Amino acid sequence: MSFGLGVIGSDELFDLVVSGINRGANVGNVSHLSGTVGAAMRAQYLGVPSIAASQASEDLDTLVSARFIARLVDRYRREVPPEGTLVSVNVPAGESRGVRIRPMGESYLAGNP
């Protein structure tokens, strides 16, 4: 992720970073230790809005997750993403109806990159 933003994005800044789709949910107080969430956090440190996408391990169907994330990205294109917010998306097994989108806690985002 740092390579992508620093090298590929050196000529033109990225509007948004989507990290994932991670197999297995990233929930609870240690979610920031996930590589998926960690990449999104790094983007946020560098001033790029970010989404960490994960899906439950049972009945894994990444097409469901990809479609949901694509709709969220489309929404971010139409509306300004929440400034300073890393969004963590966890898609339940097999469907996107039960998806919950929540900002990650500030306590893990404060400090030096």
PDB file of N, CA and C in Angstrom:
ATOM      1  N   MET A   1       0.826  -1.165   0.000  1.00  0.00           N
ATOM      2  CA  MET A   1       0.000   0.000   0.000  1.00  0.00           C
ATOM      3  C   MET A   1       0.882   1.244   0.000  1.00  0.00           C
ATOM      4  N   SER A   2       1.886   1.290   0.851  1.00  0.00           N
ATOM      5  CA  SER A   2       2.780   2.454   0.876  1.00  0.00           C
ATOM      6  C   SER A   2       3.480   2.628  -0.459  1.00  0.00           C
ATOM      7  N   PHE A   3       3.874   1.509  -1.092  1.00  0.00           N
ATOM      8  CA  PHE A   3       4.503   1.572  -2.411  1.00  0.00           C
ATOM      9  C   PHE A   3       3.531   2.156  -3.424  1.00  0.00           C
ATOM     10  N   GLY A   4       2.302   1.685  -3.402  1.00  0.00           N
ATOM     11  CA  GLY A   4       1.298   2.167  -4.343  1.00  0.00           C
ATOM     12  C   GLY A   4       1.070   3.664  -4.220  1.00  0.00           C
ATOM     13  N   LEU A   5       0.918   4.141  -2.995  1.00  0.00           N
ATOM     14  CA  LEU A   5       0.690   5.574  -2.797  1.00  0.00           C
ATOM     15  C   LEU A   5       1.934   6.391  -3.086  1.00  0.00           C
ATOM     16  N   GLY A   6       3.093   5.882  -2.687  1.00  0.00           N
ATOM     17  CA  GLY A   6       4.332   6.649  -2.828  1.00  0.00           C
ATOM     18  C   GLY A   6       4.932   6.639  -4.215  1.00  0.00           C
ATOM     19  N   VAL A   7       4.793   5.531  -4.930  1.00  0.00           N
ATOM     20  CA  VAL A   7       5.422   5.412  -6.247  1.00  0.00           C
ATOM     21  C   VAL A   7       4.389   5.574  -7.365  1.00  0.00           C
ATOM     22  N   ILE A   8       3.400   4.711  -7.366  1.00  0.00           N
ATOM     23  CA  ILE A   8       2.387   4.788  -8.420  1.00  0.00           C
ATOM     24  C   ILE A   8       1.593   6.090  -8.301  1.00  0.00           C
ATOM     25  N   GLY A   9       1.315   6.504  -7.084  1.00  0.00           N
ATOM     26  CA  GLY A   9       0.542   7.723  -6.865  1.00  0.00           C
ATOM     27  C   GLY A   9       1.373   8.985  -6.758  1.00  0.00           C
ATOM     28  N   SER A  10       2.648   8.913  -7.100  1.00  0.00           N
ATOM     29  CA  SER A  10       3.503  10.095  -6.962  1.00  0.00           C
ATOM     30  C   SER A  10       3.162  11.183  -7.980  1.00  0.00           C
ATOM     31  N   ASP A  11       2.644  10.812  -9.143  1.00  0.00           N
ATOM     32  CA  ASP A  11       2.292  11.799 -10.159  1.00  0.00           C
ATOM     33  C   ASP A  11       0.874  12.330  -9.980  1.00  0.00           C
ATOM     34  N   GLU A  12      -0.019  11.472  -9.535  1.00  0.00           N
ATOM     35  CA  GLU A  12      -1.407  11.867  -9.346  1.00  0.00           C
ATOM     36  C   GLU A  12      -1.915  11.222  -8.056  1.00  0.00           C
ATOM     37  N   LEU A  13      -2.404  12.033  -7.131  1.00  0.00           N
ATOM     38  CA  LEU A  13      -2.852  11.534  -5.847  1.00  0.00           C
ATOM     39  C   LEU A  13      -4.080  10.642  -5.989  1.00  0.00           C
ATOM     40  N   PHE A  14      -4.170   9.646  -5.122  1.00  0.00           N
ATOM     41  CA  PHE A  14      -5.333   8.771  -5.088  1.00  0.00           C
ATOM     42  C   PHE A  14      -6.482   9.476  -4.366  1.00  0.00           C
ATOM     43  N   ASP A  15      -7.701   9.161  -4.767  1.00  0.00           N
ATOM     44  CA  ASP A  15      -8.901   9.690  -4.118  1.00  0.00           C
ATOM     45  C   ASP A  15      -9.340   8.806  -2.961  1.00  0.00           C
ATOM     46  N   LEU A  16      -9.037   7.513  -3.068  1.00  0.00           N
ATOM     47  CA  LEU A  16      -9.552   6.540  -2.118  1.00  0.00           C
ATOM     48  C   LEU A  16      -8.711   5.275  -2.184  1.00  0.00           C
ATOM     49  N   VAL A  17      -8.523   4.632  -1.037  1.00  0.00           N
ATOM     50  CA  VAL A  17      -7.865   3.323  -0.970  1.00  0.00           C
ATOM     51  C   VAL A  17      -8.873   2.321  -0.436  1.00  0.00           C
ATOM     52  N   VAL A  18      -8.991   1.189  -1.123  1.00  0.00           N
ATOM     53  CA  VAL A  18      -9.797   0.068  -0.638  1.00  0.00           C
ATOM     54  C   VAL A  18      -8.841  -1.082  -0.373  1.00  0.00           C
ATOM     55  N   SER A  19      -8.815  -1.537   0.865  1.00  0.00           N
ATOM     56  CA  SER A  19      -7.951  -2.644   1.271  1.00  0.00           C
ATOM     57  C   SER A  19      -8.822  -3.871   1.512  1.00  0.00           C
ATOM     58  N   GLY A  20      -8.448  -4.994   0.925  1.00  0.00           N
ATOM     59  CA  GLY A  20      -9.216  -6.212   1.099  1.00  0.00           C
ATOM     60  C   GLY A  20      -9.731  -6.654  -0.259  1.00  0.00           C
ATOM     61  N   ILE A  21     -10.447  -7.644  -0.324  1.00  0.00           N
ATOM     62  CA  ILE A  21     -11.388  -8.222   0.613  1.00  0.00           C
ATOM     63  C   ILE A  21     -10.649  -9.279   1.446  1.00  0.00           C
ATOM     64  N   ASN A  22     -10.684  -9.082   2.734  1.00  0.00           N
ATOM     65  CA  ASN A  22     -10.047  -9.973   3.687  1.00  0.00           C
ATOM     66  C   ASN A  22     -10.983 -11.145   3.995  1.00  0.00           C
ATOM     67  N   ARG A  23     -10.412 -12.331   4.111  1.00  0.00           N
ATOM     68  CA  ARG A  23     -11.196 -13.502   4.523  1.00  0.00           C
ATOM     69  C   ARG A  23     -11.237 -13.538   6.043  1.00  0.00           C
ATOM     70  N   GLY A  24     -12.411 -13.415   6.592  1.00  0.00           N
ATOM     71  CA  GLY A  24     -12.602 -13.373   8.038  1.00  0.00           C
ATOM     72  C   GLY A  24     -12.878 -11.955   8.487  1.00  0.00           C
ATOM     73  N   ALA A  25     -13.787 -11.815   9.412  1.00  0.00           N
ATOM     74  CA  ALA A  25     -14.198 -10.498   9.889  1.00  0.00           C
ATOM     75  C   ALA A  25     -13.090  -9.816  10.684  1.00  0.00           C
ATOM     76  N   ASN A  26     -13.060  -8.506  10.607  1.00  0.00           N
ATOM     77  CA  ASN A  26     -12.170  -7.685  11.432  1.00  0.00           C
ATOM     78  C   ASN A  26     -13.036  -6.884  12.387  1.00  0.00           C
ATOM     79  N   VAL A  27     -13.233  -7.449  13.562  1.00  0.00           N
ATOM     80  CA  VAL A  27     -14.102  -6.832  14.559  1.00  0.00           C
ATOM     81  C   VAL A  27     -13.400  -6.840  15.912  1.00  0.00           C
ATOM     82  N   GLY A  28     -13.833  -5.977  16.784  1.00  0.00           N
ATOM     83  CA  GLY A  28     -13.297  -5.943  18.137  1.00  0.00           C
ATOM     84  C   GLY A  28     -12.148  -4.964  18.295  1.00  0.00           C
ATOM     85  N   ASN A  29     -11.598  -4.942  19.497  1.00  0.00           N
ATOM     86  CA  ASN A  29     -10.573  -3.967  19.864  1.00  0.00           C
ATOM     87  C   ASN A  29      -9.223  -4.179  19.208  1.00  0.00           C
ATOM     88  N   VAL A  30      -8.981  -5.338  18.619  1.00  0.00           N
ATOM     89  CA  VAL A  30      -7.684  -5.589  17.991  1.00  0.00           C
ATOM     90  C   VAL A  30      -7.765  -5.581  16.462  1.00  0.00           C
ATOM     91  N   SER A  31      -8.843  -5.069  15.908  1.00  0.00           N
ATOM     92  CA  SER A  31      -9.010  -5.022  14.450  1.00  0.00           C
ATOM     93  C   SER A  31      -7.894  -4.260  13.776  1.00  0.00           C
ATOM     94  N   HIS A  32      -7.338  -3.274  14.472  1.00  0.00           N
ATOM     95  CA  HIS A  32      -6.268  -2.461  13.883  1.00  0.00           C
ATOM     96  C   HIS A  32      -4.996  -3.266  13.641  1.00  0.00           C
ATOM     97  N   LEU A  33      -4.903  -4.473  14.191  1.00  0.00           N
ATOM     98  CA  LEU A  33      -3.735  -5.320  13.975  1.00  0.00           C
ATOM     99  C   LEU A  33      -3.831  -6.118  12.676  1.00  0.00           C
ATOM    100  N   SER A  34      -4.995  -6.102  12.046  1.00  0.00           N
ATOM    101  CA  SER A  34      -5.193  -6.800  10.774  1.00  0.00           C
ATOM    102  C   SER A  34      -4.403  -6.124   9.668  1.00  0.00           C
ATOM    103  N   GLY A  35      -3.844  -6.901   8.752  1.00  0.00           N
ATOM    104  CA  GLY A  35      -3.147  -6.327   7.610  1.00  0.00           C
ATOM    105  C   GLY A  35      -4.080  -5.518   6.730  1.00  0.00           C
ATOM    106  N   THR A  36      -5.330  -5.973   6.602  1.00  0.00           N
ATOM    107  CA  THR A  36      -6.322  -5.259   5.800  1.00  0.00           C
ATOM    108  C   THR A  36      -6.619  -3.897   6.402  1.00  0.00           C
ATOM    109  N   VAL A  37      -6.906  -3.883   7.681  1.00  0.00           N
ATOM    110  CA  VAL A  37      -7.178  -2.616   8.367  1.00  0.00           C
ATOM    111  C   VAL A  37      -5.899  -1.790   8.455  1.00  0.00           C
ATOM    112  N   GLY A  38      -4.756  -2.446   8.668  1.00  0.00           N
ATOM    113  CA  GLY A  38      -3.481  -1.733   8.752  1.00  0.00           C
ATOM    114  C   GLY A  38      -3.156  -0.977   7.474  1.00  0.00           C
ATOM    115  N   ALA A  39      -3.424  -1.573   6.322  1.00  0.00           N
ATOM    116  CA  ALA A  39      -3.177  -0.889   5.045  1.00  0.00           C
ATOM    117  C   ALA A  39      -4.098   0.316   4.908  1.00  0.00           C
ATOM    118  N   ALA A  40      -5.353   0.159   5.294  1.00  0.00           N
ATOM    119  CA  ALA A  40      -6.285   1.287   5.242  1.00  0.00           C
ATOM    120  C   ALA A  40      -5.872   2.384   6.227  1.00  0.00           C
ATOM    121  N   MET A  41      -5.367   1.984   7.397  1.00  0.00           N
ATOM    122  CA  MET A  41      -4.888   2.965   8.381  1.00  0.00           C
ATOM    123  C   MET A  41      -3.697   3.738   7.827  1.00  0.00           C
ATOM    124  N   ARG A  42      -2.799   3.055   7.157  1.00  0.00           N
ATOM    125  CA  ARG A  42      -1.628   3.723   6.576  1.00  0.00           C
ATOM    126  C   ARG A  42      -2.063   4.752   5.531  1.00  0.00           C
ATOM    127  N   ALA A  43      -3.023   4.393   4.705  1.00  0.00           N
ATOM    128  CA  ALA A  43      -3.554   5.350   3.724  1.00  0.00           C
ATOM    129  C   ALA A  43      -4.137   6.567   4.443  1.00  0.00           C
ATOM    130  N   GLN A  44      -4.862   6.306   5.501  1.00  0.00           N
ATOM    131  CA  GLN A  44      -5.466   7.407   6.268  1.00  0.00           C
ATOM    132  C   GLN A  44      -4.386   8.309   6.859  1.00  0.00           C
ATOM    133  N   TYR A  45      -3.319   7.712   7.383  1.00  0.00           N
ATOM    134  CA  TYR A  45      -2.187   8.499   7.902  1.00  0.00           C
ATOM    135  C   TYR A  45      -1.632   9.430   6.824  1.00  0.00           C
ATOM    136  N   LEU A  46      -1.653   8.949   5.579  1.00  0.00           N
ATOM    137  CA  LEU A  46      -1.113   9.724   4.466  1.00  0.00           C
ATOM    138  C   LEU A  46      -2.147  10.657   3.845  1.00  0.00           C
ATOM    139  N   GLY A  47      -3.318  10.760   4.473  1.00  0.00           N
ATOM    140  CA  GLY A  47      -4.332  11.712   4.048  1.00  0.00           C
ATOM    141  C   GLY A  47      -5.276  11.236   2.965  1.00  0.00           C
ATOM    142  N   VAL A  48      -5.315   9.928   2.716  1.00  0.00           N
ATOM    143  CA  VAL A  48      -6.200   9.385   1.686  1.00  0.00           C
ATOM    144  C   VAL A  48      -7.352   8.652   2.378  1.00  0.00           C
ATOM    145  N   PRO A  49      -8.608   9.010   2.085  1.00  0.00           N
ATOM    146  CA  PRO A  49      -9.731   8.276   2.664  1.00  0.00           C
ATOM    147  C   PRO A  49      -9.602   6.786   2.345  1.00  0.00           C
ATOM    148  N   SER A  50     -10.055   5.937   3.271  1.00  0.00           N
ATOM    149  CA  SER A  50      -9.833   4.509   3.062  1.00  0.00           C
ATOM    150  C   SER A  50     -10.975   3.655   3.586  1.00  0.00           C
ATOM    151  N   ILE A  51     -11.080   2.479   2.968  1.00  0.00           N
ATOM    152  CA  ILE A  51     -12.067   1.471   3.343  1.00  0.00           C
ATOM    153  C   ILE A  51     -11.331   0.156   3.524  1.00  0.00           C
ATOM    154  N   ALA A  52     -11.554  -0.514   4.642  1.00  0.00           N
ATOM    155  CA  ALA A  52     -11.041  -1.868   4.871  1.00  0.00           C
ATOM    156  C   ALA A  52     -12.225  -2.817   4.690  1.00  0.00           C
ATOM    157  N   ALA A  53     -12.103  -3.768   3.771  1.00  0.00           N
ATOM    158  CA  ALA A  53     -13.209  -4.677   3.461  1.00  0.00           C
ATOM    159  C   ALA A  53     -12.871  -6.098   3.898  1.00  0.00           C
ATOM    160  N   SER A  54     -13.798  -6.697   4.646  1.00  0.00           N
ATOM    161  CA  SER A  54     -13.629  -8.070   5.119  1.00  0.00           C
ATOM    162  C   SER A  54     -14.940  -8.819   4.944  1.00  0.00           C
ATOM    163  N   GLN A  55     -14.833 -10.148   4.890  1.00  0.00           N
ATOM    164  CA  GLN A  55     -16.019 -10.984   4.763  1.00  0.00           C
ATOM    165  C   GLN A  55     -15.882 -12.189   5.665  1.00  0.00           C
ATOM    166  N   ALA A  56     -17.003 -12.612   6.238  1.00  0.00           N
ATOM    167  CA  ALA A  56     -17.018 -13.800   7.085  1.00  0.00           C
ATOM    168  C   ALA A  56     -16.430 -14.989   6.337  1.00  0.00           C
ATOM    169  N   SER A  57     -15.772 -15.892   7.065  1.00  0.00           N
ATOM    170  CA  SER A  57     -15.109 -17.046   6.448  1.00  0.00           C
ATOM    171  C   SER A  57     -16.080 -18.113   5.963  1.00  0.00           C
ATOM    172  N   GLU A  58     -17.232 -18.228   6.610  1.00  0.00           N
ATOM    173  CA  GLU A  58     -18.196 -19.250   6.204  1.00  0.00           C
ATOM    174  C   GLU A  58     -18.895 -18.789   4.926  1.00  0.00           C
ATOM    175  N   ASP A  59     -19.208 -19.734   4.064  1.00  0.00           N
ATOM    176  CA  ASP A  59     -19.921 -19.434   2.813  1.00  0.00           C
ATOM    177  C   ASP A  59     -19.286 -18.263   2.075  1.00  0.00           C
ATOM    178  N   LEU A  60     -17.963 -18.300   1.940  1.00  0.00           N
ATOM    179  CA  LEU A  60     -17.228 -17.197   1.325  1.00  0.00           C
ATOM    180  C   LEU A  60     -17.669 -16.988  -0.118  1.00  0.00           C
ATOM    181  N   ASP A  61     -18.163 -15.805  -0.411  1.00  0.00           N
ATOM    182  CA  ASP A  61     -18.563 -15.417  -1.762  1.00  0.00           C
ATOM    183  C   ASP A  61     -18.095 -13.981  -1.956  1.00  0.00           C
ATOM    184  N   THR A  62     -16.880 -13.833  -2.452  1.00  0.00           N
ATOM    185  CA  THR A  62     -16.313 -12.488  -2.561  1.00  0.00           C
ATOM    186  C   THR A  62     -17.049 -11.628  -3.590  1.00  0.00           C
ATOM    187  N   LEU A  63     -17.810 -12.228  -4.476  1.00  0.00           N
ATOM    188  CA  LEU A  63     -18.589 -11.447  -5.431  1.00  0.00           C
ATOM    189  C   LEU A  63     -19.618 -10.584  -4.695  1.00  0.00           C
ATOM    190  N   VAL A  64     -20.246 -11.136  -3.669  1.00  0.00           N
ATOM    191  CA  VAL A  64     -21.203 -10.376  -2.857  1.00  0.00           C
ATOM    192  C   VAL A  64     -20.497  -9.182  -2.231  1.00  0.00           C
ATOM    193  N   SER A  65     -19.335  -9.430  -1.631  1.00  0.00           N
ATOM    194  CA  SER A  65     -18.579  -8.347  -0.991  1.00  0.00           C
ATOM    195  C   SER A  65     -18.112  -7.317  -2.015  1.00  0.00           C
ATOM    196  N   ALA A  66     -17.599  -7.792  -3.142  1.00  0.00           N
ATOM    197  CA  ALA A  66     -17.093  -6.881  -4.176  1.00  0.00           C
ATOM    198  C   ALA A  66     -18.200  -5.974  -4.689  1.00  0.00           C
ATOM    199  N   ARG A  67     -19.380  -6.510  -4.887  1.00  0.00           N
ATOM    200  CA  ARG A  67     -20.505  -5.689  -5.352  1.00  0.00           C
ATOM    201  C   ARG A  67     -20.878  -4.640  -4.311  1.00  0.00           C
ATOM    202  N   PHE A  68     -20.888  -5.038  -3.052  1.00  0.00           N
ATOM    203  CA  PHE A  68     -21.222  -4.084  -1.995  1.00  0.00           C
ATOM    204  C   PHE A  68     -20.180  -2.969  -1.929  1.00  0.00           C
ATOM    205  N   ILE A  69     -18.910  -3.338  -1.955  1.00  0.00           N
ATOM    206  CA  ILE A  69     -17.834  -2.343  -1.888  1.00  0.00           C
ATOM    207  C   ILE A  69     -17.879  -1.433  -3.119  1.00  0.00           C
ATOM    208  N   ALA A  70     -18.184  -1.988  -4.281  1.00  0.00           N
ATOM    209  CA  ALA A  70     -18.296  -1.172  -5.496  1.00  0.00           C
ATOM    210  C   ALA A  70     -19.396  -0.126  -5.340  1.00  0.00           C
ATOM    211  N   ARG A  71     -20.515  -0.497  -4.724  1.00  0.00           N
ATOM    212  CA  ARG A  71     -21.590   0.486  -4.477  1.00  0.00           C
ATOM    213  C   ARG A  71     -21.135   1.554  -3.492  1.00  0.00           C
ATOM    214  N   LEU A  72     -20.381   1.150  -2.481  1.00  0.00           N
ATOM    215  CA  LEU A  72     -19.867   2.122  -1.508  1.00  0.00           C
ATOM    216  C   LEU A  72     -18.884   3.077  -2.168  1.00  0.00           C
ATOM    217  N   VAL A  73     -18.005   2.562  -3.011  1.00  0.00           N
ATOM    218  CA  VAL A  73     -17.053   3.408  -3.738  1.00  0.00           C
ATOM    219  C   VAL A  73     -17.810   4.375  -4.647  1.00  0.00           C
ATOM    220  N   ASP A  74     -18.842   3.890  -5.318  1.00  0.00           N
ATOM    221  CA  ASP A  74     -19.657   4.757  -6.166  1.00  0.00           C
ATOM    222  C   ASP A  74     -20.285   5.880  -5.332  1.00  0.00           C
ATOM    223  N   ARG A  75     -20.747   5.543  -4.157  1.00  0.00           N
ATOM    224  CA  ARG A  75     -21.316   6.571  -3.261  1.00  0.00           C
ATOM    225  C   ARG A  75     -20.253   7.594  -2.884  1.00  0.00           C
ATOM    226  N   TYR A  76     -19.018   7.124  -2.614  1.00  0.00           N
ATOM    227  CA  TYR A  76     -17.926   8.043  -2.282  1.00  0.00           C
ATOM    228  C   TYR A  76     -17.574   8.945  -3.466  1.00  0.00           C
ATOM    229  N   ARG A  77     -17.808   8.480  -4.679  1.00  0.00           N
ATOM    230  CA  ARG A  77     -17.569   9.313  -5.861  1.00  0.00           C
ATOM    231  C   ARG A  77     -18.586  10.449  -5.944  1.00  0.00           C
ATOM    232  N   ARG A  78     -19.823  10.165  -5.513  1.00  0.00           N
ATOM    233  CA  ARG A  78     -20.890  11.168  -5.564  1.00  0.00           C
ATOM    234  C   ARG A  78     -20.876  12.098  -4.360  1.00  0.00           C
ATOM    235  N   GLU A  79     -20.462  11.586  -3.216  1.00  0.00           N
ATOM    236  CA  GLU A  79     -20.434  12.355  -1.972  1.00  0.00           C
ATOM    237  C   GLU A  79     -19.006  12.387  -1.462  1.00  0.00           C
ATOM    238  N   VAL A  80     -18.670  13.380  -0.715  1.00  0.00           N
ATOM    239  CA  VAL A  80     -17.319  13.465  -0.156  1.00  0.00           C
ATOM    240  C   VAL A  80     -17.194  12.448   0.969  1.00  0.00           C
ATOM    241  N   PRO A  81     -16.167  11.582   0.936  1.00  0.00           N
ATOM    242  CA  PRO A  81     -15.976  10.634   2.044  1.00  0.00           C
ATOM    243  C   PRO A  81     -15.776  11.395   3.354  1.00  0.00           C
ATOM    244  N   PRO A  82     -16.169  10.795   4.451  1.00  0.00           N
ATOM    245  CA  PRO A  82     -15.986  11.461   5.746  1.00  0.00           C
ATOM    246  C   PRO A  82     -14.509  11.729   6.009  1.00  0.00           C
ATOM    247  N   GLU A  83     -14.157  12.991   6.187  1.00  0.00           N
ATOM    248  CA  GLU A  83     -12.761  13.372   6.378  1.00  0.00           C
ATOM    249  C   GLU A  83     -12.195  12.751   7.652  1.00  0.00           C
ATOM    250  N   GLY A  84     -11.003  12.193   7.532  1.00  0.00           N
ATOM    251  CA  GLY A  84     -10.325  11.618   8.688  1.00  0.00           C
ATOM    252  C   GLY A  84     -10.933  10.330   9.188  1.00  0.00           C
ATOM    253  N   THR A  85     -11.765   9.697   8.387  1.00  0.00           N
ATOM    254  CA  THR A  85     -12.437   8.478   8.821  1.00  0.00           C
ATOM    255  C   THR A  85     -11.999   7.285   7.998  1.00  0.00           C
ATOM    256  N   LEU A  86     -11.594   6.252   8.679  1.00  0.00           N
ATOM    257  CA  LEU A  86     -11.330   4.960   8.059  1.00  0.00           C
ATOM    258  C   LEU A  86     -12.583   4.130   8.279  1.00  0.00           C
ATOM    259  N   VAL A  87     -13.155   3.604   7.226  1.00  0.00           N
ATOM    260  CA  VAL A  87     -14.365   2.801   7.344  1.00  0.00           C
ATOM    261  C   VAL A  87     -13.994   1.332   7.221  1.00  0.00           C
ATOM    262  N   SER A  88     -14.453   0.547   8.186  1.00  0.00           N
ATOM    263  CA  SER A  88     -14.240  -0.896   8.164  1.00  0.00           C
ATOM    264  C   SER A  88     -15.567  -1.567   7.844  1.00  0.00           C
ATOM    265  N   VAL A  89     -15.590  -2.344   6.753  1.00  0.00           N
ATOM    266  CA  VAL A  89     -16.804  -3.019   6.304  1.00  0.00           C
ATOM    267  C   VAL A  89     -16.625  -4.515   6.529  1.00  0.00           C
ATOM    268  N   ASN A  90     -17.591  -5.130   7.207  1.00  0.00           N
ATOM    269  CA  ASN A  90     -17.585  -6.575   7.428  1.00  0.00           C
ATOM    270  C   ASN A  90     -18.858  -7.160   6.836  1.00  0.00           C
ATOM    271  N   VAL A  91     -18.709  -7.978   5.792  1.00  0.00           N
ATOM    272  CA  VAL A  91     -19.849  -8.591   5.113  1.00  0.00           C
ATOM    273  C   VAL A  91     -20.100  -9.955   5.734  1.00  0.00           C
ATOM    274  N   PRO A  92     -21.341 -10.196   6.211  1.00  0.00           N
ATOM    275  CA  PRO A  92     -21.663 -11.510   6.774  1.00  0.00           C
ATOM    276  C   PRO A  92     -21.615 -12.595   5.704  1.00  0.00           C
ATOM    277  N   ALA A  93     -21.626 -13.836   6.115  1.00  0.00           N
ATOM    278  CA  ALA A  93     -21.559 -14.964   5.184  1.00  0.00           C
ATOM    279  C   ALA A  93     -22.695 -14.912   4.175  1.00  0.00           C
ATOM    280  N   GLY A  94     -22.319 -14.899   2.886  1.00  0.00           N
ATOM    281  CA  GLY A  94     -23.266 -15.087   1.807  1.00  0.00           C
ATOM    282  C   GLY A  94     -24.203 -13.960   1.430  1.00  0.00           C
ATOM    283  N   GLU A  95     -24.199 -12.839   2.139  1.00  0.00           N
ATOM    284  CA  GLU A  95     -25.139 -11.780   1.772  1.00  0.00           C
ATOM    285  C   GLU A  95     -24.626 -10.419   2.216  1.00  0.00           C
ATOM    286  N   SER A  96     -25.172  -9.395   1.592  1.00  0.00           N
ATOM    287  CA  SER A  96     -24.777  -8.046   1.977  1.00  0.00           C
ATOM    288  C   SER A  96     -25.879  -7.325   2.747  1.00  0.00           C
ATOM    289  N   ARG A  97     -27.019  -7.984   2.978  1.00  0.00           N
ATOM    290  CA  ARG A  97     -28.116  -7.325   3.705  1.00  0.00           C
ATOM    291  C   ARG A  97     -27.750  -7.002   5.135  1.00  0.00           C
ATOM    292  N   GLY A  98     -26.924  -7.795   5.772  1.00  0.00           N
ATOM    293  CA  GLY A  98     -26.589  -7.568   7.164  1.00  0.00           C
ATOM    294  C   GLY A  98     -25.296  -6.796   7.375  1.00  0.00           C
ATOM    295  N   VAL A  99     -24.793  -6.164   6.325  1.00  0.00           N
ATOM    296  CA  VAL A  99     -23.525  -5.435   6.426  1.00  0.00           C
ATOM    297  C   VAL A  99     -23.674  -4.262   7.382  1.00  0.00           C
ATOM    298  N   ARG A 100     -22.669  -4.081   8.199  1.00  0.00           N
ATOM    299  CA  ARG A 100     -22.612  -2.928   9.091  1.00  0.00           C
ATOM    300  C   ARG A 100     -21.345  -2.165   8.757  1.00  0.00           C
ATOM    301  N   ILE A 101     -21.473  -0.863   8.599  1.00  0.00           N
ATOM    302  CA  ILE A 101     -20.327  -0.006   8.304  1.00  0.00           C
ATOM    303  C   ILE A 101     -20.121   0.896   9.500  1.00  0.00           C
ATOM    304  N   ARG A 102     -18.921   0.860  10.032  1.00  0.00           N
ATOM    305  CA  ARG A 102     -18.610   1.663  11.209  1.00  0.00           C
ATOM    306  C   ARG A 102     -17.241   2.289  11.047  1.00  0.00           C
ATOM    307  N   PRO A 103     -17.073   3.542  11.525  1.00  0.00           N
ATOM    308  CA  PRO A 103     -15.732   4.139  11.519  1.00  0.00           C
ATOM    309  C   PRO A 103     -14.862   3.443  12.558  1.00  0.00           C
ATOM    310  N   MET A 104     -13.580   3.349  12.268  1.00  0.00           N
ATOM    311  CA  MET A 104     -12.637   2.783  13.231  1.00  0.00           C
ATOM    312  C   MET A 104     -12.389   3.817  14.324  1.00  0.00           C
ATOM    313  N   GLY A 105     -12.091   3.376  15.532  1.00  0.00           N
ATOM    314  CA  GLY A 105     -11.884   4.273  16.667  1.00  0.00           C
ATOM    315  C   GLY A 105     -10.689   5.178  16.510  1.00  0.00           C
ATOM    316  N   GLU A 106     -10.847   6.409  16.973  1.00  0.00           N
ATOM    317  CA  GLU A 106      -9.789   7.413  16.867  1.00  0.00           C
ATOM    318  C   GLU A 106      -8.523   7.032  17.626  1.00  0.00           C
ATOM    319  N   SER A 107      -8.658   6.324  18.719  1.00  0.00           N
ATOM    320  CA  SER A 107      -7.500   6.048  19.563  1.00  0.00           C
ATOM    321  C   SER A 107      -6.412   5.310  18.817  1.00  0.00           C
ATOM    322  N   TYR A 108      -6.767   4.536  17.797  1.00  0.00           N
ATOM    323  CA  TYR A 108      -5.762   3.787  17.057  1.00  0.00           C
ATOM    324  C   TYR A 108      -5.190   4.588  15.892  1.00  0.00           C
ATOM    325  N   LEU A 109      -5.839   5.699  15.534  1.00  0.00           N
ATOM    326  CA  LEU A 109      -5.393   6.485  14.407  1.00  0.00           C
ATOM    327  C   LEU A 109      -4.564   7.687  14.816  1.00  0.00           C
ATOM    328  N   ALA A 110      -4.538   8.009  16.086  1.00  0.00           N
ATOM    329  CA  ALA A 110      -3.776   9.164  16.555  1.00  0.00           C
ATOM    330  C   ALA A 110      -2.291   8.805  16.592  1.00  0.00           C
ATOM    331  N   GLY A 111      -1.443   9.802  16.437  1.00  0.00           N
ATOM    332  CA  GLY A 111      -0.001   9.568  16.547  1.00  0.00           C
ATOM    333  C   GLY A 111       0.708   9.728  15.230  1.00  0.00           C
ATOM    334  N   ASN A 112       1.965   9.386  15.216  1.00  0.00           N
ATOM    335  CA  ASN A 112       2.796   9.527  14.018  1.00  0.00           C
ATOM    336  C   ASN A 112       2.609   8.342  13.082  1.00  0.00           C
ATOM    337  N   PRO A 113       2.692   8.569  11.765  1.00  0.00           N
ATOM    338  CA  PRO A 113       2.555   7.476  10.802  1.00  0.00           C
ATOM    339  C   PRO A 113       3.707   6.498  10.876  1.00  0.00           C
TER     340      PRO A 113
END
